[in-house]
Amino acid sequence: MPELPEVEVVRAGLAPAVVGARVSAVDVLDERALTRHPLGAGDFVGRLEGRSFTAASRRGKFLWLALEGDADAMVAHLGMSGQMLLREPDAAAERHERIRLHIEHPQHGRLAVVFADQRTFGSLALDELVGTPDAAPGGLGTLLPLVPTQVAHIARDALDPAFDESGFIASVRRRASAIKRILLDQTLVSGIGNIYADESLWAARIHPETEGRALSARALRGLLVEVRLVLDKALAEGGTSFDAQYVNVNGQAGYFAHSLNAYGREGQLCPRCGGPIRRAAFMNRSSHYCPRCQRKR
């Protein structure tokens, strides 16, 4: 599933093309791509056509394009395999294309924004914007203290200037859950999935099954430092792509997969200590760690 870096790469690619652009037409080719918009295709098209986007924002793994008037936004969740692609206005249909927005930008002219999704777990939706409880901007890419209702339960991510580091640490130290499970809890800290949890814990030398309450405040501050470093590096390298599903708006894959130290490296040597990387079952997925330098507390 796309995590924070992959979604941020998409948001940053969309922003110059869509902010200030007017939606001239909308083609809904598959209503399964509107599962988060319960009022259906007719309502989605009718409320979107003729309106302009004012911002491209993200919180965690959610991105949204605010609409003029600041009352609502088009929310995109990429699910397992969703893609947001920029194409020429008359470009041929993409494989697994579900929705196409025809837009007109005052500088860039006519463009198409294509939502493609092989597994159909992703969705677009129009959603109301509501105020943030802390009165800080809703997410990266906006200065307004507004967030879609579908995103309001999602915590801020560790790269957000308004992220409450002290509150996060205090919450973790009250929990008996494994630290990896805590990192994946999007209501506590958002945007971290399996890949970046494994990489951050490896960098911080913390075993993924260590209980949150067993970690000191100092250790957790160190973990957050590593989380930010891992996310920043992944962003610089365009995210992690193991196949053609995770791409930027131009269809190009990221290359952070070549920088992984733990995730997906079962049986290979730890780059730090030379011990073998181990894989263990975890929440219907896998954890990858070095048992030699990530000792369980």
C-alpha atoms as a PDB file:
ATOM      1  CA  MET A   1       0.000   0.000   0.000  1.00  0.00           C
ATOM      2  CA  PRO A   2       1.328   3.496  -0.793  1.00  0.00           C
ATOM      3  CA  GLU A   3       2.672   5.166   2.341  1.00  0.00           C
ATOM      4  CA  LEU A   4       3.440   8.811   3.116  1.00  0.00           C
ATOM      5  CA  PRO A   5       6.361   9.237   0.676  1.00  0.00           C
ATOM      6  CA  GLU A   6       4.469   7.726  -2.261  1.00  0.00           C
ATOM      7  CA  VAL A   7       1.371   9.857  -1.606  1.00  0.00           C
ATOM      8  CA  GLU A   8       3.451  13.010  -1.065  1.00  0.00           C
ATOM      9  CA  VAL A   9       5.232  12.444  -4.384  1.00  0.00           C
ATOM     10  CA  VAL A  10       1.817  12.337  -6.052  1.00  0.00           C
ATOM     11  CA  ARG A  11       0.581  15.451  -4.228  1.00  0.00           C
ATOM     12  CA  ALA A  12       3.684  17.445  -5.123  1.00  0.00           C
ATOM     13  CA  GLY A  13       3.356  16.392  -8.750  1.00  0.00           C
ATOM     14  CA  LEU A  14      -0.324  17.297  -8.962  1.00  0.00           C
ATOM     15  CA  ALA A  15      -0.105  20.694  -7.245  1.00  0.00           C
ATOM     16  CA  PRO A  16       1.392  22.811 -10.065  1.00  0.00           C
ATOM     17  CA  ALA A  17      -1.084  21.398 -12.582  1.00  0.00           C
ATOM     18  CA  VAL A  18      -4.319  21.451 -10.593  1.00  0.00           C
ATOM     19  CA  VAL A  19      -4.122  24.459  -8.249  1.00  0.00           C
ATOM     20  CA  GLY A  20      -6.024  27.191 -10.062  1.00  0.00           C
ATOM     21  CA  ALA A  21      -7.391  24.781 -12.672  1.00  0.00           C
ATOM     22  CA  ARG A  22     -11.092  24.559 -13.537  1.00  0.00           C
ATOM     23  CA  VAL A  23     -12.804  21.186 -13.979  1.00  0.00           C
ATOM     24  CA  SER A  24     -14.488  21.282 -17.386  1.00  0.00           C
ATOM     25  CA  ALA A  25     -15.779  17.696 -17.454  1.00  0.00           C
ATOM     26  CA  VAL A  26     -15.676  14.466 -15.470  1.00  0.00           C
ATOM     27  CA  ASP A  27     -15.847  10.928 -16.883  1.00  0.00           C
ATOM     28  CA  VAL A  28     -16.756   8.190 -14.402  1.00  0.00           C
ATOM     29  CA  LEU A  29     -15.883   4.922 -16.090  1.00  0.00           C
ATOM     30  CA  ASP A  30     -16.237   2.670 -13.049  1.00  0.00           C
ATOM     31  CA  GLU A  31     -18.388   3.599 -10.035  1.00  0.00           C
ATOM     32  CA  ARG A  32     -16.345   1.285  -7.826  1.00  0.00           C
ATOM     33  CA  ALA A  33     -13.872   4.173  -7.721  1.00  0.00           C
ATOM     34  CA  LEU A  34     -16.466   6.205  -5.793  1.00  0.00           C
ATOM     35  CA  THR A  35     -16.991   3.886  -2.832  1.00  0.00           C
ATOM     36  CA  ARG A  36     -16.171   6.752  -0.435  1.00  0.00           C
ATOM     37  CA  HIS A  37     -18.724   8.985  -2.207  1.00  0.00           C
ATOM     38  CA  PRO A  38     -22.050   7.402  -1.177  1.00  0.00           C
ATOM     39  CA  LEU A  39     -24.235   9.741  -3.266  1.00  0.00           C
ATOM     40  CA  GLY A  40     -23.000   8.171  -6.494  1.00  0.00           C
ATOM     41  CA  ALA A  41     -21.562   9.244  -9.821  1.00  0.00           C
ATOM     42  CA  GLY A  42     -24.256  11.766 -10.749  1.00  0.00           C
ATOM     43  CA  ASP A  43     -23.748  13.776  -7.583  1.00  0.00           C
ATOM     44  CA  PHE A  44     -19.941  13.545  -7.879  1.00  0.00           C
ATOM     45  CA  VAL A  45     -19.946  14.841 -11.455  1.00  0.00           C
ATOM     46  CA  GLY A  46     -22.584  17.519 -10.853  1.00  0.00           C
ATOM     47  CA  ARG A  47     -20.814  19.000  -7.846  1.00  0.00           C
ATOM     48  CA  LEU A  48     -17.355  18.941  -9.456  1.00  0.00           C
ATOM     49  CA  GLU A  49     -17.838  20.187 -13.002  1.00  0.00           C
ATOM     50  CA  GLY A  50     -17.328  23.921 -13.444  1.00  0.00           C
ATOM     51  CA  ARG A  51     -15.430  24.374 -10.177  1.00  0.00           C
ATOM     52  CA  SER A  52     -11.763  25.191  -9.566  1.00  0.00           C
ATOM     53  CA  PHE A  53      -9.173  23.614  -7.291  1.00  0.00           C
ATOM     54  CA  THR A  54      -7.472  25.953  -4.821  1.00  0.00           C
ATOM     55  CA  ALA A  55      -4.952  23.681  -3.062  1.00  0.00           C
ATOM     56  CA  ALA A  56      -3.438  20.201  -3.131  1.00  0.00           C
ATOM     57  CA  SER A  57      -3.006  18.917   0.425  1.00  0.00           C
ATOM     58  CA  ARG A  58      -2.029  15.736   2.252  1.00  0.00           C
ATOM     59  CA  ARG A  59      -2.253  14.225   5.700  1.00  0.00           C
ATOM     60  CA  GLY A  60      -0.736  10.791   6.162  1.00  0.00           C
ATOM     61  CA  LYS A  61      -1.810   8.615   3.236  1.00  0.00           C
ATOM     62  CA  PHE A  62      -4.778  10.820   2.283  1.00  0.00           C
ATOM     63  CA  LEU A  63      -4.618  13.664  -0.217  1.00  0.00           C
ATOM     64  CA  TRP A  64      -7.300  16.171  -1.110  1.00  0.00           C
ATOM     65  CA  LEU A  65      -7.831  18.930  -3.649  1.00  0.00           C
ATOM     66  CA  ALA A  66      -9.698  21.824  -2.040  1.00  0.00           C
ATOM     67  CA  LEU A  67     -12.420  23.466  -4.109  1.00  0.00           C
ATOM     68  CA  GLU A  68     -13.255  27.160  -4.401  1.00  0.00           C
ATOM     69  CA  GLY A  69     -15.305  28.359  -1.480  1.00  0.00           C
ATOM     70  CA  ASP A  70     -13.333  26.316   1.088  1.00  0.00           C
ATOM     71  CA  ALA A  71     -16.424  24.303   1.985  1.00  0.00           C
ATOM     72  CA  ASP A  72     -15.477  20.974   0.398  1.00  0.00           C
ATOM     73  CA  ALA A  73     -12.728  19.095  -1.384  1.00  0.00           C
ATOM     74  CA  MET A  74     -12.097  16.116  -3.617  1.00  0.00           C
ATOM     75  CA  VAL A  75     -10.479  13.463  -1.422  1.00  0.00           C
ATOM     76  CA  ALA A  76      -8.301  10.730  -2.898  1.00  0.00           C
ATOM     77  CA  HIS A  77      -7.305   7.537  -1.132  1.00  0.00           C
ATOM     78  CA  LEU A  78      -5.046   5.355  -3.270  1.00  0.00           C
ATOM     79  CA  GLY A  79      -5.837   2.094  -1.484  1.00  0.00           C
ATOM     80  CA  MET A  80      -3.543  -0.734  -2.590  1.00  0.00           C
ATOM     81  CA  SER A  81      -2.841   0.272  -6.177  1.00  0.00           C
ATOM     82  CA  GLY A  82      -4.431   3.642  -6.942  1.00  0.00           C
ATOM     83  CA  GLN A  83      -2.641   6.099  -9.218  1.00  0.00           C
ATOM     84  CA  MET A  84      -3.236   9.782  -9.954  1.00  0.00           C
ATOM     85  CA  LEU A  85      -1.743  10.543 -13.371  1.00  0.00           C
ATOM     86  CA  LEU A  86      -1.379  13.721 -15.438  1.00  0.00           C
ATOM     87  CA  ARG A  87      -1.982  13.226 -19.141  1.00  0.00           C
ATOM     88  CA  GLU A  88      -2.501  15.212 -22.310  1.00  0.00           C
ATOM     89  CA  PRO A  89      -6.177  16.123 -22.776  1.00  0.00           C
ATOM     90  CA  ASP A  90      -6.811  13.589 -25.546  1.00  0.00           C
ATOM     91  CA  ALA A  91      -4.491  10.836 -24.326  1.00  0.00           C
ATOM     92  CA  ALA A  92      -5.623   7.241 -24.751  1.00  0.00           C
ATOM     93  CA  ALA A  93      -7.276   5.570 -21.775  1.00  0.00           C
ATOM     94  CA  GLU A  94      -4.918   4.147 -19.171  1.00  0.00           C
ATOM     95  CA  ARG A  95      -5.026   0.510 -18.197  1.00  0.00           C
ATOM     96  CA  HIS A  96      -7.385   0.209 -15.205  1.00  0.00           C
ATOM     97  CA  GLU A  97      -8.580   3.805 -15.680  1.00  0.00           C
ATOM     98  CA  ARG A  98     -11.624   4.483 -13.464  1.00  0.00           C
ATOM     99  CA  ILE A  99     -12.180   8.256 -13.518  1.00  0.00           C
ATOM    100  CA  ARG A 100     -10.883  11.079 -15.732  1.00  0.00           C
ATOM    101  CA  LEU A 101     -11.055  14.771 -14.864  1.00  0.00           C
ATOM    102  CA  HIS A 102     -10.720  17.210 -17.759  1.00  0.00           C
ATOM    103  CA  ILE A 103      -9.192  20.426 -16.416  1.00  0.00           C
ATOM    104  CA  GLU A 104      -8.208  23.822 -17.807  1.00  0.00           C
ATOM    105  CA  HIS A 105      -5.329  25.666 -16.148  1.00  0.00           C
ATOM    106  CA  PRO A 106      -4.731  29.392 -16.807  1.00  0.00           C
ATOM    107  CA  GLN A 107      -1.034  28.752 -17.519  1.00  0.00           C
ATOM    108  CA  HIS A 108      -0.752  25.101 -18.530  1.00  0.00           C
ATOM    109  CA  GLY A 109      -3.900  24.881 -20.628  1.00  0.00           C
ATOM    110  CA  ARG A 110      -5.959  21.722 -20.981  1.00  0.00           C
ATOM    111  CA  LEU A 111      -4.891  18.585 -19.105  1.00  0.00           C
ATOM    112  CA  ALA A 112      -6.400  15.318 -17.911  1.00  0.00           C
ATOM    113  CA  VAL A 113      -6.145  13.989 -14.368  1.00  0.00           C
ATOM    114  CA  VAL A 114      -6.620  10.221 -14.450  1.00  0.00           C
ATOM    115  CA  PHE A 115      -7.464   8.003 -11.475  1.00  0.00           C
ATOM    116  CA  ALA A 116      -6.404   4.445 -12.299  1.00  0.00           C
ATOM    117  CA  ASP A 117      -6.672   1.533  -9.887  1.00  0.00           C
ATOM    118  CA  GLN A 118      -5.972  -2.108 -10.646  1.00  0.00           C
ATOM    119  CA  ARG A 119      -7.394  -3.604  -7.443  1.00  0.00           C
ATOM    120  CA  THR A 120     -10.237  -1.066  -6.996  1.00  0.00           C
ATOM    121  CA  PHE A 121      -9.592  -0.542  -3.282  1.00  0.00           C
ATOM    122  CA  GLY A 122      -8.888   3.176  -3.799  1.00  0.00           C
ATOM    123  CA  SER A 123     -11.529   5.862  -4.165  1.00  0.00           C
ATOM    124  CA  LEU A 124     -12.281   9.493  -4.945  1.00  0.00           C
ATOM    125  CA  ALA A 125     -14.985  11.407  -3.088  1.00  0.00           C
ATOM    126  CA  LEU A 126     -16.287  14.906  -2.486  1.00  0.00           C
ATOM    127  CA  ASP A 127     -16.258  15.664   1.208  1.00  0.00           C
ATOM    128  CA  GLU A 128     -17.011  18.543   3.565  1.00  0.00           C
ATOM    129  CA  LEU A 129     -14.107  20.465   5.093  1.00  0.00           C
ATOM    130  CA  VAL A 130     -14.205  20.940   8.876  1.00  0.00           C
ATOM    131  CA  GLY A 131     -11.971  22.822  11.301  1.00  0.00           C
ATOM    132  CA  THR A 132      -8.912  21.192  12.848  1.00  0.00           C
ATOM    133  CA  PRO A 133      -9.101  20.793  16.658  1.00  0.00           C
ATOM    134  CA  ASP A 134      -5.690  22.434  17.137  1.00  0.00           C
ATOM    135  CA  ALA A 135      -6.427  25.299  14.693  1.00  0.00           C
ATOM    136  CA  ALA A 136      -3.243  24.428  12.745  1.00  0.00           C
ATOM    137  CA  PRO A 137      -3.238  23.902   8.965  1.00  0.00           C
ATOM    138  CA  GLY A 138      -5.030  20.727   7.935  1.00  0.00           C
ATOM    139  CA  GLY A 139      -1.973  19.192   6.314  1.00  0.00           C
ATOM    140  CA  LEU A 140       0.935  19.760   3.982  1.00  0.00           C
ATOM    141  CA  GLY A 141       0.018  21.976   1.040  1.00  0.00           C
ATOM    142  CA  THR A 142      -2.532  24.184   2.792  1.00  0.00           C
ATOM    143  CA  LEU A 143      -2.458  27.068   5.248  1.00  0.00           C
ATOM    144  CA  LEU A 144      -6.128  26.712   6.152  1.00  0.00           C
ATOM    145  CA  PRO A 145      -7.080  24.977   9.429  1.00  0.00           C
ATOM    146  CA  LEU A 146      -9.468  22.714   7.538  1.00  0.00           C
ATOM    147  CA  VAL A 147      -9.518  18.971   6.853  1.00  0.00           C
ATOM    148  CA  PRO A 148     -12.047  16.676   5.122  1.00  0.00           C
ATOM    149  CA  THR A 149     -14.341  14.794   7.476  1.00  0.00           C
ATOM    150  CA  GLN A 150     -13.027  11.496   6.057  1.00  0.00           C
ATOM    151  CA  VAL A 151      -9.519  12.504   7.128  1.00  0.00           C
ATOM    152  CA  ALA A 152     -10.314  14.160  10.465  1.00  0.00           C
ATOM    153  CA  HIS A 153      -9.640  10.963  12.461  1.00  0.00           C
ATOM    154  CA  ILE A 154      -6.181  10.586  10.910  1.00  0.00           C
ATOM    155  CA  ALA A 155      -3.344  11.835  13.114  1.00  0.00           C
ATOM    156  CA  ARG A 156      -0.717  14.251  11.877  1.00  0.00           C
ATOM    157  CA  ASP A 157       2.444  12.673  10.497  1.00  0.00           C
ATOM    158  CA  ALA A 158       5.940  13.087  11.895  1.00  0.00           C
ATOM    159  CA  LEU A 159       6.898  15.558   9.134  1.00  0.00           C
ATOM    160  CA  ASP A 160       3.971  17.876   9.918  1.00  0.00           C
ATOM    161  CA  PRO A 161       5.147  21.063  11.716  1.00  0.00           C
ATOM    162  CA  ALA A 162       2.097  20.774  13.972  1.00  0.00           C
ATOM    163  CA  PHE A 163       2.849  17.170  14.997  1.00  0.00           C
ATOM    164  CA  ASP A 164       2.646  16.864  18.790  1.00  0.00           C
ATOM    165  CA  GLU A 165       5.876  15.025  19.590  1.00  0.00           C
ATOM    166  CA  SER A 166       5.459  15.217  23.374  1.00  0.00           C
ATOM    167  CA  GLY A 167       1.895  13.948  23.151  1.00  0.00           C
ATOM    168  CA  PHE A 168       2.982  11.074  20.925  1.00  0.00           C
ATOM    169  CA  ILE A 169       5.748  10.038  23.334  1.00  0.00           C
ATOM    170  CA  ALA A 170       3.446  10.194  26.351  1.00  0.00           C
ATOM    171  CA  SER A 171       0.838   8.081  24.570  1.00  0.00           C
ATOM    172  CA  VAL A 172       3.359   5.446  23.479  1.00  0.00           C
ATOM    173  CA  ARG A 173       4.759   5.101  27.013  1.00  0.00           C
ATOM    174  CA  ARG A 174       1.289   4.237  28.312  1.00  0.00           C
ATOM    175  CA  ARG A 175       0.856   1.345  25.892  1.00  0.00           C
ATOM    176  CA  ALA A 176       1.676  -2.332  26.223  1.00  0.00           C
ATOM    177  CA  SER A 177       1.361  -2.850  22.462  1.00  0.00           C
ATOM    178  CA  ALA A 178       4.393  -3.636  20.324  1.00  0.00           C
ATOM    179  CA  ILE A 179       6.097  -0.513  19.036  1.00  0.00           C
ATOM    180  CA  LYS A 180       5.624  -1.554  15.414  1.00  0.00           C
ATOM    181  CA  ARG A 181       1.878  -1.912  15.931  1.00  0.00           C
ATOM    182  CA  ILE A 182       1.900   1.559  17.492  1.00  0.00           C
ATOM    183  CA  LEU A 183       3.734   3.064  14.517  1.00  0.00           C
ATOM    184  CA  LEU A 184       1.094   1.622  12.191  1.00  0.00           C
ATOM    185  CA  ASP A 185      -1.768   3.168  14.198  1.00  0.00           C
ATOM    186  CA  GLN A 186      -2.888   6.004  11.914  1.00  0.00           C
ATOM    187  CA  THR A 187      -4.844   7.646  14.749  1.00  0.00           C
ATOM    188  CA  LEU A 188      -1.598   8.182  16.669  1.00  0.00           C
ATOM    189  CA  VAL A 189       0.902   9.002  13.911  1.00  0.00           C
ATOM    190  CA  SER A 190       0.004   8.804  10.249  1.00  0.00           C
ATOM    191  CA  GLY A 191       1.720   7.894   7.013  1.00  0.00           C
ATOM    192  CA  ILE A 192       3.913   5.063   8.325  1.00  0.00           C
ATOM    193  CA  GLY A 193       3.220   1.643   6.853  1.00  0.00           C
ATOM    194  CA  ASN A 194       5.018  -1.674   6.954  1.00  0.00           C
ATOM    195  CA  ILE A 195       8.059  -0.660   4.905  1.00  0.00           C
ATOM    196  CA  TYR A 196       8.922   2.535   6.736  1.00  0.00           C
ATOM    197  CA  ALA A 197       8.130   1.092  10.161  1.00  0.00           C
ATOM    198  CA  ASP A 198      10.672  -1.682   9.583  1.00  0.00           C
ATOM    199  CA  GLU A 199      13.261   0.750   8.231  1.00  0.00           C
ATOM    200  CA  SER A 200      12.806   3.246  11.086  1.00  0.00           C
ATOM    201  CA  LEU A 201      12.995   0.590  13.788  1.00  0.00           C
ATOM    202  CA  TRP A 202      16.133  -0.871  12.202  1.00  0.00           C
ATOM    203  CA  ALA A 203      17.733   2.581  12.124  1.00  0.00           C
ATOM    204  CA  ALA A 204      16.821   3.172  15.784  1.00  0.00           C
ATOM    205  CA  ARG A 205      18.020  -0.347  16.826  1.00  0.00           C
ATOM    206  CA  ILE A 206      14.611  -1.180  18.334  1.00  0.00           C
ATOM    207  CA  HIS A 207      13.068  -4.641  18.097  1.00  0.00           C
ATOM    208  CA  PRO A 208       9.593  -4.392  16.466  1.00  0.00           C
ATOM    209  CA  GLU A 209       7.966  -6.362  19.320  1.00  0.00           C
ATOM    210  CA  THR A 210       9.280  -4.107  22.090  1.00  0.00           C
ATOM    211  CA  GLU A 211       6.369  -2.804  24.162  1.00  0.00           C
ATOM    212  CA  GLY A 212       5.793   0.917  23.953  1.00  0.00           C
ATOM    213  CA  ARG A 213       5.851   1.264  27.734  1.00  0.00           C
ATOM    214  CA  ALA A 214       9.340  -0.323  27.792  1.00  0.00           C
ATOM    215  CA  LEU A 215      10.840   2.537  25.782  1.00  0.00           C
ATOM    216  CA  SER A 216      12.201   5.676  27.414  1.00  0.00           C
ATOM    217  CA  ALA A 217      11.275   9.143  26.245  1.00  0.00           C
ATOM    218  CA  ARG A 218      14.839   9.505  24.966  1.00  0.00           C
ATOM    219  CA  ALA A 219      14.554   6.309  22.910  1.00  0.00           C
ATOM    220  CA  LEU A 220      11.262   7.475  21.425  1.00  0.00           C
ATOM    221  CA  ARG A 221      12.686  10.861  20.510  1.00  0.00           C
ATOM    222  CA  GLY A 222      15.502   9.017  18.786  1.00  0.00           C
ATOM    223  CA  LEU A 223      12.988   6.836  16.965  1.00  0.00           C
ATOM    224  CA  LEU A 224      11.142   9.909  15.683  1.00  0.00           C
ATOM    225  CA  VAL A 225      14.445  11.298  14.401  1.00  0.00           C
ATOM    226  CA  GLU A 226      14.959   8.088  12.420  1.00  0.00           C
ATOM    227  CA  VAL A 227      11.350   8.081  11.181  1.00  0.00           C
ATOM    228  CA  ARG A 228      11.846  11.570   9.759  1.00  0.00           C
ATOM    229  CA  LEU A 229      15.204  10.689   8.208  1.00  0.00           C
ATOM    230  CA  VAL A 230      13.762   7.575   6.557  1.00  0.00           C
ATOM    231  CA  LEU A 231      10.722   9.433   5.231  1.00  0.00           C
ATOM    232  CA  ASP A 232      12.835  12.325   3.954  1.00  0.00           C
ATOM    233  CA  LYS A 233      15.206   9.958   2.152  1.00  0.00           C
ATOM    234  CA  ALA A 234      12.297   8.052   0.608  1.00  0.00           C
ATOM    235  CA  LEU A 235      10.783  11.337  -0.569  1.00  0.00           C
ATOM    236  CA  ALA A 236      14.071  12.390  -2.147  1.00  0.00           C
ATOM    237  CA  GLU A 237      14.183   9.086  -4.025  1.00  0.00           C
ATOM    238  CA  GLY A 238      10.572   9.220  -5.212  1.00  0.00           C
ATOM    239  CA  GLY A 239       9.193   6.624  -2.817  1.00  0.00           C
ATOM    240  CA  THR A 240       9.402   2.834  -2.876  1.00  0.00           C
ATOM    241  CA  SER A 241       8.315   0.933  -5.985  1.00  0.00           C
ATOM    242  CA  PHE A 242       8.470  -2.846  -6.207  1.00  0.00           C
ATOM    243  CA  ASP A 243       6.276  -2.968  -9.320  1.00  0.00           C
ATOM    244  CA  ALA A 244       4.538  -0.654 -11.778  1.00  0.00           C
ATOM    245  CA  GLN A 245       1.713   0.214  -9.353  1.00  0.00           C
ATOM    246  CA  TYR A 246       3.487   2.845  -7.240  1.00  0.00           C
ATOM    247  CA  VAL A 247       4.353   5.695  -9.585  1.00  0.00           C
ATOM    248  CA  ASN A 248       4.347   9.475  -9.675  1.00  0.00           C
ATOM    249  CA  VAL A 249       1.942  11.559 -11.769  1.00  0.00           C
ATOM    250  CA  ASN A 250       4.092  10.942 -14.855  1.00  0.00           C
ATOM    251  CA  GLY A 251       4.083   7.174 -14.380  1.00  0.00           C
ATOM    252  CA  GLN A 252       7.673   6.986 -13.113  1.00  0.00           C
ATOM    253  CA  ALA A 253       8.655   4.613 -10.297  1.00  0.00           C
ATOM    254  CA  GLY A 254      10.576   5.636  -7.190  1.00  0.00           C
ATOM    255  CA  TYR A 255      13.869   3.956  -6.323  1.00  0.00           C
ATOM    256  CA  PHE A 256      14.010   3.918  -2.502  1.00  0.00           C
ATOM    257  CA  ALA A 257      13.729   0.111  -2.732  1.00  0.00           C
ATOM    258  CA  HIS A 258      17.469   0.147  -3.495  1.00  0.00           C
ATOM    259  CA  SER A 259      18.149   1.878  -0.146  1.00  0.00           C
ATOM    260  CA  LEU A 260      16.293  -0.531   2.135  1.00  0.00           C
ATOM    261  CA  ASN A 261      18.289  -1.917   5.059  1.00  0.00           C
ATOM    262  CA  ALA A 262      15.783  -4.366   6.546  1.00  0.00           C
ATOM    263  CA  TYR A 263      12.446  -4.601   4.718  1.00  0.00           C
ATOM    264  CA  GLY A 264      12.346  -7.432   2.193  1.00  0.00           C
ATOM    265  CA  ARG A 265      15.941  -8.520   2.955  1.00  0.00           C
ATOM    266  CA  GLU A 266      15.261 -11.813   4.779  1.00  0.00           C
ATOM    267  CA  GLY A 267      18.409 -13.912   4.989  1.00  0.00           C
ATOM    268  CA  GLN A 268      20.681 -11.144   3.752  1.00  0.00           C
ATOM    269  CA  LEU A 269      23.367  -9.599   5.922  1.00  0.00           C
ATOM    270  CA  CYS A 270      22.528  -6.625   8.113  1.00  0.00           C
ATOM    271  CA  PRO A 271      24.370  -3.604   6.650  1.00  0.00           C
ATOM    272  CA  ARG A 272      25.293  -2.505  10.180  1.00  0.00           C
ATOM    273  CA  CYS A 273      26.464  -5.620  12.059  1.00  0.00           C
ATOM    274  CA  GLY A 274      26.622  -8.368   9.457  1.00  0.00           C
ATOM    275  CA  GLY A 275      24.027 -10.590  11.130  1.00  0.00           C
ATOM    276  CA  PRO A 276      21.223 -12.170   9.081  1.00  0.00           C
ATOM    277  CA  ILE A 277      18.014 -10.187   8.597  1.00  0.00           C
ATOM    278  CA  ARG A 278      15.057 -12.150   9.938  1.00  0.00           C
ATOM    279  CA  ARG A 279      11.427 -12.100   8.797  1.00  0.00           C
ATOM    280  CA  ALA A 280       8.604 -12.761  11.280  1.00  0.00           C
ATOM    281  CA  ALA A 281       4.830 -12.905  10.808  1.00  0.00           C
ATOM    282  CA  PHE A 282       3.109  -9.713  11.935  1.00  0.00           C
ATOM    283  CA  MET A 283      -0.590  -8.747  11.575  1.00  0.00           C
ATOM    284  CA  ASN A 284      -1.089 -10.751   8.342  1.00  0.00           C
ATOM    285  CA  ARG A 285       2.119  -9.164   7.063  1.00  0.00           C
ATOM    286  CA  SER A 286       5.793  -9.504   7.918  1.00  0.00           C
ATOM    287  CA  SER A 287       8.365  -7.731  10.052  1.00  0.00           C
ATOM    288  CA  HIS A 288      11.986  -7.575   8.956  1.00  0.00           C
ATOM    289  CA  TYR A 289      14.669  -6.874  11.556  1.00  0.00           C
ATOM    290  CA  CYS A 290      18.167  -7.807  12.703  1.00  0.00           C
ATOM    291  CA  PRO A 291      18.003  -9.928  15.892  1.00  0.00           C
ATOM    292  CA  ARG A 292      21.637  -9.103  16.628  1.00  0.00           C
ATOM    293  CA  CYS A 293      21.419  -5.300  16.769  1.00  0.00           C
ATOM    294  CA  GLN A 294      17.679  -4.948  17.410  1.00  0.00           C
ATOM    295  CA  ARG A 295      17.420  -6.863  20.662  1.00  0.00           C
ATOM    296  CA  LYS A 296      14.003  -7.220  22.270  1.00  0.00           C
ATOM    297  CA  ARG A 297      13.732  -5.431  25.614  1.00  0.00           C
END
